[in-house]
Amino acid sequence: MTPELQTILTVSIPTLAVLIGILVNNSRFNDLNARFTDLNQRIDDLKEMWRSELRRVEEVLDARLSHLEERLR
């Protein structure tokens, strides 16, 4: 093995390993980002469900209060 070839292999193999590691980590970060996006969507859906349920409870309580006010008049 010539010294030039040995130098090229000594430099290129670790460089290639680092580049592969960067690509693997990038894909992991993309997966993590997708999970957070899904989690944010689920939290937003829960918020909307709570708002609609609280709106319904408010309407029921308002109707009951109006009914009691009518009965007291």
N, C-alpha and C. Protein backbone atom coordinates (compact mmCIF):
# COMPACT_ATOMS: atom_id res chain seq x y z
N MET A 1 0.85 -1.17 0.00
CA MET A 1 0.00 0.00 0.00
C MET A 1 0.90 1.24 0.00
N THR A 2 0.62 2.10 -0.92
CA THR A 2 1.44 3.29 -1.05
C THR A 2 1.07 4.31 0.02
N PRO A 3 1.98 5.18 0.38
CA PRO A 3 1.68 6.18 1.40
C PRO A 3 0.55 7.12 0.98
N GLU A 4 0.43 7.40 -0.31
CA GLU A 4 -0.64 8.28 -0.78
C GLU A 4 -2.01 7.63 -0.56
N LEU A 5 -2.08 6.34 -0.91
CA LEU A 5 -3.35 5.62 -0.74
C LEU A 5 -3.69 5.50 0.74
N GLN A 6 -2.68 5.25 1.56
CA GLN A 6 -2.92 5.14 3.00
C GLN A 6 -3.42 6.48 3.56
N THR A 7 -2.86 7.58 3.10
CA THR A 7 -3.30 8.91 3.54
C THR A 7 -4.73 9.17 3.10
N ILE A 8 -5.05 8.81 1.86
CA ILE A 8 -6.42 9.02 1.37
C ILE A 8 -7.41 8.19 2.18
N LEU A 9 -7.10 6.94 2.45
CA LEU A 9 -7.99 6.09 3.23
C LEU A 9 -8.11 6.59 4.68
N THR A 10 -6.99 7.06 5.24
CA THR A 10 -7.00 7.56 6.61
C THR A 10 -7.90 8.78 6.75
N VAL A 11 -7.96 9.60 5.74
CA VAL A 11 -8.78 10.80 5.78
C VAL A 11 -10.21 10.52 5.35
N SER A 12 -10.41 9.72 4.33
CA SER A 12 -11.75 9.57 3.75
C SER A 12 -12.67 8.67 4.57
N ILE A 13 -12.16 7.63 5.20
CA ILE A 13 -13.02 6.71 5.97
C ILE A 13 -13.64 7.41 7.18
N PRO A 14 -12.88 8.12 8.02
CA PRO A 14 -13.53 8.83 9.13
C PRO A 14 -14.47 9.93 8.65
N THR A 15 -14.11 10.60 7.55
CA THR A 15 -14.99 11.63 7.01
C THR A 15 -16.31 11.02 6.56
N LEU A 16 -16.24 9.89 5.90
CA LEU A 16 -17.45 9.21 5.46
C LEU A 16 -18.29 8.76 6.66
N ALA A 17 -17.63 8.27 7.71
CA ALA A 17 -18.35 7.86 8.92
C ALA A 17 -19.06 9.04 9.56
N VAL A 18 -18.41 10.18 9.60
CA VAL A 18 -19.02 11.39 10.18
C VAL A 18 -20.22 11.82 9.35
N LEU A 19 -20.10 11.80 8.03
CA LEU A 19 -21.22 12.19 7.17
C LEU A 19 -22.40 11.25 7.34
N ILE A 20 -22.14 9.96 7.46
CA ILE A 20 -23.24 9.00 7.68
C ILE A 20 -23.89 9.26 9.04
N GLY A 21 -23.07 9.56 10.05
CA GLY A 21 -23.62 9.88 11.37
C GLY A 21 -24.50 11.12 11.34
N ILE A 22 -24.07 12.12 10.58
CA ILE A 22 -24.88 13.34 10.46
C ILE A 22 -26.22 13.03 9.81
N LEU A 23 -26.22 12.21 8.77
CA LEU A 23 -27.47 11.86 8.09
C LEU A 23 -28.40 11.07 9.00
N VAL A 24 -27.84 10.15 9.78
CA VAL A 24 -28.66 9.36 10.71
C VAL A 24 -29.27 10.27 11.77
N ASN A 25 -28.47 11.17 12.33
CA ASN A 25 -28.99 12.09 13.35
C ASN A 25 -30.05 13.01 12.77
N ASN A 26 -29.86 13.45 11.54
CA ASN A 26 -30.84 14.31 10.89
C ASN A 26 -32.18 13.59 10.75
N SER A 27 -32.15 12.33 10.37
CA SER A 27 -33.40 11.59 10.23
C SER A 27 -34.07 11.41 11.59
N ARG A 28 -33.27 11.22 12.64
CA ARG A 28 -33.85 11.10 13.98
C ARG A 28 -34.50 12.40 14.41
N PHE A 29 -33.85 13.53 14.10
CA PHE A 29 -34.44 14.82 14.44
C PHE A 29 -35.73 15.05 13.67
N ASN A 30 -35.78 14.61 12.42
CA ASN A 30 -37.02 14.76 11.65
C ASN A 30 -38.14 13.92 12.25
N ASP A 31 -37.82 12.71 12.71
CA ASP A 31 -38.83 11.88 13.38
C ASP A 31 -39.31 12.54 14.66
N LEU A 32 -38.39 13.09 15.42
CA LEU A 32 -38.75 13.76 16.67
C LEU A 32 -39.62 14.98 16.40
N ASN A 33 -39.29 15.72 15.36
CA ASN A 33 -40.08 16.88 14.98
C ASN A 33 -41.49 16.46 14.57
N ALA A 34 -41.61 15.36 13.86
CA ALA A 34 -42.93 14.86 13.46
C ALA A 34 -43.75 14.46 14.69
N ARG A 35 -43.09 13.86 15.66
CA ARG A 35 -43.81 13.48 16.89
C ARG A 35 -44.31 14.72 17.63
N PHE A 36 -43.47 15.74 17.73
CA PHE A 36 -43.91 16.97 18.40
C PHE A 36 -45.05 17.64 17.64
N THR A 37 -45.00 17.59 16.32
CA THR A 37 -46.09 18.16 15.52
C THR A 37 -47.39 17.42 15.79
N ASP A 38 -47.32 16.08 15.85
CA ASP A 38 -48.51 15.29 16.17
C ASP A 38 -49.02 15.61 17.58
N LEU A 39 -48.10 15.75 18.52
CA LEU A 39 -48.50 16.06 19.89
C LEU A 39 -49.17 17.43 19.96
N ASN A 40 -48.62 18.41 19.26
CA ASN A 40 -49.24 19.73 19.24
C ASN A 40 -50.64 19.68 18.65
N GLN A 41 -50.83 18.88 17.61
CA GLN A 41 -52.16 18.75 17.01
C GLN A 41 -53.14 18.12 17.99
N ARG A 42 -52.69 17.11 18.71
CA ARG A 42 -53.56 16.46 19.69
C ARG A 42 -53.93 17.42 20.81
N ILE A 43 -52.98 18.22 21.26
CA ILE A 43 -53.26 19.20 22.31
C ILE A 43 -54.25 20.25 21.81
N ASP A 44 -54.07 20.71 20.57
CA ASP A 44 -55.01 21.68 20.00
C ASP A 44 -56.41 21.07 19.88
N ASP A 45 -56.49 19.81 19.50
CA ASP A 45 -57.79 19.14 19.42
C ASP A 45 -58.44 19.05 20.80
N LEU A 46 -57.64 18.74 21.82
CA LEU A 46 -58.18 18.68 23.17
C LEU A 46 -58.68 20.04 23.64
N LYS A 47 -57.92 21.08 23.33
CA LYS A 47 -58.35 22.44 23.69
C LYS A 47 -59.69 22.76 23.04
N GLU A 48 -59.82 22.45 21.77
CA GLU A 48 -61.07 22.75 21.06
C GLU A 48 -62.23 21.95 21.64
N MET A 49 -61.98 20.69 22.01
CA MET A 49 -63.03 19.88 22.61
C MET A 49 -63.46 20.49 23.94
N TRP A 50 -62.51 20.90 24.78
CA TRP A 50 -62.85 21.51 26.06
C TRP A 50 -63.63 22.80 25.87
N ARG A 51 -63.22 23.60 24.88
CA ARG A 51 -63.95 24.84 24.63
C ARG A 51 -65.40 24.56 24.24
N SER A 52 -65.59 23.58 23.38
CA SER A 52 -66.96 23.29 22.95
C SER A 52 -67.78 22.72 24.12
N GLU A 53 -67.16 21.87 24.94
CA GLU A 53 -67.88 21.33 26.09
C GLU A 53 -68.21 22.43 27.09
N LEU A 54 -67.27 23.31 27.34
CA LEU A 54 -67.55 24.41 28.27
C LEU A 54 -68.61 25.36 27.72
N ARG A 55 -68.60 25.56 26.41
CA ARG A 55 -69.64 26.40 25.79
C ARG A 55 -71.02 25.76 25.98
N ARG A 56 -71.07 24.43 25.82
CA ARG A 56 -72.33 23.73 26.00
C ARG A 56 -72.80 23.81 27.45
N VAL A 57 -71.89 23.65 28.40
CA VAL A 57 -72.24 23.76 29.82
C VAL A 57 -72.74 25.17 30.13
N GLU A 58 -72.06 26.15 29.56
CA GLU A 58 -72.48 27.54 29.78
C GLU A 58 -73.89 27.77 29.24
N GLU A 59 -74.19 27.22 28.08
CA GLU A 59 -75.53 27.39 27.52
C GLU A 59 -76.59 26.70 28.38
N VAL A 60 -76.27 25.52 28.90
CA VAL A 60 -77.22 24.81 29.75
C VAL A 60 -77.46 25.59 31.04
N LEU A 61 -76.39 26.07 31.65
CA LEU A 61 -76.56 26.85 32.88
C LEU A 61 -77.33 28.15 32.62
N ASP A 62 -77.06 28.79 31.49
CA ASP A 62 -77.78 30.00 31.15
C ASP A 62 -79.26 29.71 30.95
N ALA A 63 -79.58 28.60 30.31
CA ALA A 63 -80.99 28.23 30.10
C ALA A 63 -81.67 27.95 31.44
N ARG A 64 -80.99 27.26 32.32
CA ARG A 64 -81.58 26.96 33.62
C ARG A 64 -81.79 28.24 34.43
N LEU A 65 -80.82 29.12 34.39
CA LEU A 65 -80.95 30.38 35.10
C LEU A 65 -82.10 31.21 34.53
N SER A 66 -82.22 31.25 33.22
CA SER A 66 -83.33 31.99 32.59
C SER A 66 -84.66 31.39 33.00
N HIS A 67 -84.73 30.05 33.06
CA HIS A 67 -85.96 29.38 33.46
C HIS A 67 -86.31 29.74 34.91
N LEU A 68 -85.30 29.74 35.78
CA LEU A 68 -85.56 30.10 37.19
C LEU A 68 -86.00 31.57 37.31
N GLU A 69 -85.39 32.44 36.52
CA GLU A 69 -85.79 33.84 36.56
C GLU A 69 -87.24 34.01 36.09
N GLU A 70 -87.64 33.28 35.09
CA GLU A 70 -89.02 33.36 34.61
C GLU A 70 -90.00 32.85 35.65
N ARG A 71 -89.63 31.80 36.36
CA ARG A 71 -90.51 31.25 37.37
C ARG A 71 -90.66 32.20 38.56
N LEU A 72 -89.63 32.99 38.86
CA LEU A 72 -89.67 33.89 40.00
C LEU A 72 -90.45 35.18 39.68
N ARG A 73 -90.73 35.47 38.46
CA ARG A 73 -91.43 36.71 38.11
C ARG A 73 -92.90 36.58 38.31
